Amino acid sequence: MTNLALNYNKAVFRASYGKFSQIPPCDGVEIAFAGHSNVGKSTLINKIFNRKNLAKVSSVPGKTATINFYQLENIYFADLPGYGYAKVSKTEKERWSGLINSYLSSDRDIRLVFMLIDMRHSPTKDDVRMIDYLIDTETPFVLVLTKSDKLNKSERAKRMEGFGTEIPCFEDIHVIPFSSVTAEGVEEIREIVEEVVKD
């Protein structure tokens, strides 16, 4: 990587994979996006890359059942399947879980995981399980609190206080409030991307 700022507009969709065995060998730095169904991963990806439809945004939770890869220069961005959606079969849930686990536990050059949680609500059990997993495996991650524009100042303060008791090691985690409406957090996320992909 050079030290020049990345041209985020040049990101392209690369491919989708429903099984880990289908994913080609790693040939670049990878950054992943994880979170509950409908938490806003596709929206965040579109905002980072300044595009409306690079990642397909669905109003139907649980729609992303594959790992979707986007590429910018020699960096790959992996949009992991949203977990925790109740209305899919147990078999399908197990497939998603296996896909996420296989990817995160692989020897790919995963530099960072952006872990998304809806700022308006307490984390789900699946969210806490994912955070525990990232901490236990010493996987570098940043917590992105989505839909921050939906809360006023006092509501935000209350939720941040709540997260302090609901999320393990919260005080040690890098946290970024994000809004697709106001673009809050976008520049900070881009700066982190550029920091972690430096050779």
Protein backbone atom coordinates (compact mmCIF):
# COMPACT_ATOMS: atom_id res chain seq x y z
CA MET A 1 0.00 0.00 0.00
CA THR A 2 1.08 3.55 -0.64
CA ASN A 3 0.47 6.34 1.82
CA LEU A 4 -1.81 8.11 -0.63
CA ALA A 5 -5.44 8.37 0.39
CA LEU A 6 -7.62 5.70 -1.13
CA ASN A 7 -10.08 6.67 -3.85
CA TYR A 8 -13.18 5.15 -2.27
CA ASN A 9 -15.31 5.82 -5.36
CA LYS A 10 -13.35 3.15 -7.21
CA ALA A 11 -14.54 0.22 -5.10
CA VAL A 12 -16.16 -2.61 -7.07
CA PHE A 13 -18.31 -5.59 -6.18
CA ARG A 14 -16.19 -8.70 -6.62
CA ALA A 15 -18.27 -11.81 -5.79
CA SER A 16 -20.67 -13.57 -3.38
CA TYR A 17 -20.03 -16.93 -1.77
CA GLY A 18 -22.49 -19.14 0.11
CA LYS A 19 -19.86 -21.64 1.26
CA PHE A 20 -16.42 -20.97 2.68
CA SER A 21 -14.93 -23.63 0.39
CA GLN A 22 -15.96 -21.51 -2.64
CA ILE A 23 -13.88 -18.49 -1.58
CA PRO A 24 -10.62 -18.17 -3.56
CA PRO A 25 -7.33 -17.97 -1.65
CA CYS A 26 -6.58 -14.62 -0.01
CA ASP A 27 -4.48 -12.35 -2.23
CA GLY A 28 -4.80 -9.06 -0.39
CA VAL A 29 -5.64 -7.37 2.89
CA GLU A 30 -9.20 -8.03 4.12
CA ILE A 31 -11.57 -6.03 6.31
CA ALA A 32 -14.86 -7.56 7.44
CA PHE A 33 -18.25 -6.19 8.45
CA ALA A 34 -20.27 -8.19 10.98
CA GLY A 35 -23.57 -7.61 12.72
CA HIS A 36 -27.15 -8.61 13.29
CA SER A 37 -29.59 -8.82 10.38
CA ASN A 38 -30.83 -5.40 9.32
CA VAL A 39 -28.26 -3.50 11.41
CA GLY A 40 -27.15 -1.55 8.34
CA LYS A 41 -23.98 -3.21 7.01
CA SER A 42 -24.87 -2.61 3.36
CA THR A 43 -25.81 1.00 4.13
CA LEU A 44 -22.49 1.54 5.89
CA ILE A 45 -20.53 0.02 2.99
CA ASN A 46 -22.34 2.26 0.49
CA LYS A 47 -21.60 5.32 2.64
CA ILE A 48 -17.89 4.50 3.00
CA PHE A 49 -17.56 4.13 -0.76
CA ASN A 50 -19.79 7.10 -1.53
CA ARG A 51 -22.12 4.96 -3.64
CA LYS A 52 -25.86 4.41 -3.54
CA ASN A 53 -26.09 0.82 -4.69
CA LEU A 54 -22.69 -0.84 -4.48
CA ALA A 55 -24.04 -3.04 -1.68
CA LYS A 56 -27.69 -3.98 -2.13
CA VAL A 57 -29.74 -2.68 0.77
CA SER A 58 -32.69 -4.90 1.62
CA SER A 59 -35.71 -4.05 3.73
CA VAL A 60 -36.03 -7.77 4.43
CA PRO A 61 -33.89 -8.92 7.38
CA GLY A 62 -31.74 -11.96 6.75
CA LYS A 63 -31.47 -11.29 3.02
CA THR A 64 -27.67 -11.39 2.95
CA ALA A 65 -27.04 -15.13 3.19
CA THR A 66 -23.62 -15.00 1.56
CA ILE A 67 -20.26 -13.35 2.16
CA ASN A 68 -20.13 -10.49 -0.33
CA PHE A 69 -16.69 -9.21 -1.31
CA TYR A 70 -15.92 -5.69 -2.52
CA GLN A 71 -12.50 -4.64 -3.77
CA LEU A 72 -10.60 -1.37 -3.65
CA GLU A 73 -7.06 -1.59 -4.97
CA ASN A 74 -5.56 -4.60 -3.13
CA ILE A 75 -8.01 -4.41 -0.22
CA TYR A 76 -11.02 -6.71 0.04
CA PHE A 77 -14.05 -5.80 2.12
CA ALA A 78 -16.11 -8.79 3.28
CA ASP A 79 -19.76 -8.21 4.15
CA LEU A 80 -20.62 -11.19 6.37
CA PRO A 81 -24.17 -12.61 6.57
CA GLY A 82 -26.36 -10.87 9.14
CA TYR A 83 -26.91 -13.23 12.04
CA GLY A 84 -29.77 -13.68 14.49
CA TYR A 85 -32.73 -13.47 12.10
CA ALA A 86 -35.45 -15.63 13.62
CA LYS A 87 -37.46 -16.46 10.52
CA VAL A 88 -34.99 -18.73 8.78
CA SER A 89 -34.61 -22.46 9.26
CA LYS A 90 -32.21 -23.96 11.79
CA THR A 91 -30.24 -25.49 8.92
CA GLU A 92 -29.87 -22.10 7.26
CA LYS A 93 -28.82 -20.47 10.54
CA GLU A 94 -26.19 -23.17 11.01
CA ARG A 95 -24.92 -22.59 7.45
CA TRP A 96 -24.60 -18.84 8.10
CA SER A 97 -22.89 -19.47 11.42
CA GLY A 98 -20.49 -21.94 9.81
CA LEU A 99 -19.72 -19.49 7.02
CA ILE A 100 -18.95 -16.66 9.46
CA ASN A 101 -16.90 -18.89 11.79
CA SER A 102 -14.94 -20.47 8.94
CA TYR A 103 -14.10 -17.05 7.52
CA LEU A 104 -13.09 -15.42 10.81
CA SER A 105 -11.03 -18.40 12.00
CA SER A 106 -9.21 -18.82 8.66
CA ASP A 107 -5.62 -17.79 7.97
CA ARG A 108 -6.73 -15.00 5.65
CA ASP A 109 -5.13 -11.57 6.19
CA ILE A 110 -8.11 -10.13 8.10
CA ARG A 111 -6.79 -6.86 9.48
CA LEU A 112 -9.99 -5.65 11.16
CA VAL A 113 -13.64 -6.40 11.78
CA PHE A 114 -16.17 -3.57 11.91
CA MET A 115 -18.76 -4.92 14.35
CA LEU A 116 -22.10 -3.14 13.93
CA ILE A 117 -24.76 -2.68 16.61
CA ASP A 118 -27.92 -0.57 16.41
CA MET A 119 -27.26 2.33 18.77
CA ARG A 120 -30.94 2.55 19.76
CA HIS A 121 -31.07 -0.87 21.41
CA SER A 122 -29.24 -3.10 23.84
CA PRO A 123 -27.00 -5.63 22.10
CA THR A 124 -28.57 -9.02 21.41
CA LYS A 125 -27.16 -12.26 22.82
CA ASP A 126 -25.71 -12.92 19.36
CA ASP A 127 -23.99 -9.50 19.40
CA VAL A 128 -22.40 -10.23 22.78
CA ARG A 129 -21.41 -13.71 21.60
CA MET A 130 -19.72 -12.20 18.54
CA ILE A 131 -17.87 -9.60 20.62
CA ASP A 132 -16.75 -12.33 23.06
CA TYR A 133 -15.50 -14.35 20.09
CA LEU A 134 -13.53 -11.40 18.67
CA ILE A 135 -11.99 -10.68 22.07
CA ASP A 136 -11.18 -14.36 22.77
CA THR A 137 -9.54 -14.83 19.37
CA GLU A 138 -7.74 -11.48 19.67
CA THR A 139 -9.24 -10.36 16.37
CA PRO A 140 -8.86 -6.58 16.02
CA PHE A 141 -12.27 -4.93 15.82
CA VAL A 142 -14.02 -1.58 16.03
CA LEU A 143 -17.58 -1.21 17.29
CA VAL A 144 -19.78 0.85 14.96
CA LEU A 145 -23.04 2.07 16.51
CA THR A 146 -25.46 2.52 13.61
CA LYS A 147 -28.50 4.81 13.26
CA SER A 148 -27.02 7.37 15.66
CA ASP A 149 -29.15 10.15 14.13
CA LYS A 150 -32.29 8.50 15.54
CA LEU A 151 -31.31 9.45 19.09
CA ASN A 152 -31.16 12.86 20.74
CA LYS A 153 -28.29 13.88 23.00
CA SER A 154 -29.74 12.54 26.25
CA GLU A 155 -30.88 9.28 24.62
CA ARG A 156 -27.38 8.78 23.22
CA ALA A 157 -25.81 9.37 26.61
CA LYS A 158 -28.21 6.86 28.18
CA ARG A 159 -27.43 4.20 25.57
CA MET A 160 -23.65 4.73 25.90
CA GLU A 161 -24.02 4.27 29.65
CA GLY A 162 -26.07 1.12 29.01
CA PHE A 163 -23.50 -0.30 26.61
CA GLY A 164 -20.93 0.08 29.39
CA THR A 165 -22.66 -2.67 31.37
CA GLU A 166 -24.08 -4.69 28.45
CA ILE A 167 -20.96 -5.12 26.30
CA PRO A 168 -17.89 -6.94 27.64
CA CYS A 169 -14.77 -4.75 27.97
CA PHE A 170 -16.73 -1.82 26.50
CA GLU A 171 -14.38 0.79 27.99
CA ASP A 172 -11.47 -0.76 26.06
CA ILE A 173 -13.22 -0.93 22.67
CA HIS A 174 -12.86 1.72 19.96
CA VAL A 175 -16.45 2.92 19.39
CA ILE A 176 -17.73 4.97 16.44
CA PRO A 177 -21.31 6.29 16.28
CA PHE A 178 -22.44 6.17 12.65
CA SER A 179 -25.29 7.73 10.68
CA SER A 180 -25.99 7.30 6.98
CA VAL A 181 -28.15 10.44 7.18
CA THR A 182 -25.62 12.86 8.68
CA ALA A 183 -22.48 10.91 7.61
CA GLU A 184 -21.31 10.92 11.23
CA GLY A 185 -18.45 8.46 11.62
CA VAL A 186 -17.69 8.00 7.91
CA GLU A 187 -14.38 9.88 7.88
CA GLU A 188 -13.21 8.19 11.07
CA ILE A 189 -13.99 4.76 9.59
CA ARG A 190 -12.06 5.64 6.42
CA GLU A 191 -9.09 6.81 8.49
CA ILE A 192 -9.07 3.51 10.39
CA VAL A 193 -9.23 1.57 7.10
CA GLU A 194 -6.22 3.45 5.79
CA GLU A 195 -4.34 2.92 9.04
CA VAL A 196 -4.86 -0.86 9.20
CA VAL A 197 -4.01 -1.54 5.55
CA LYS A 198 -0.62 0.18 5.66
CA ASP A 199 2.16 -2.30 5.02
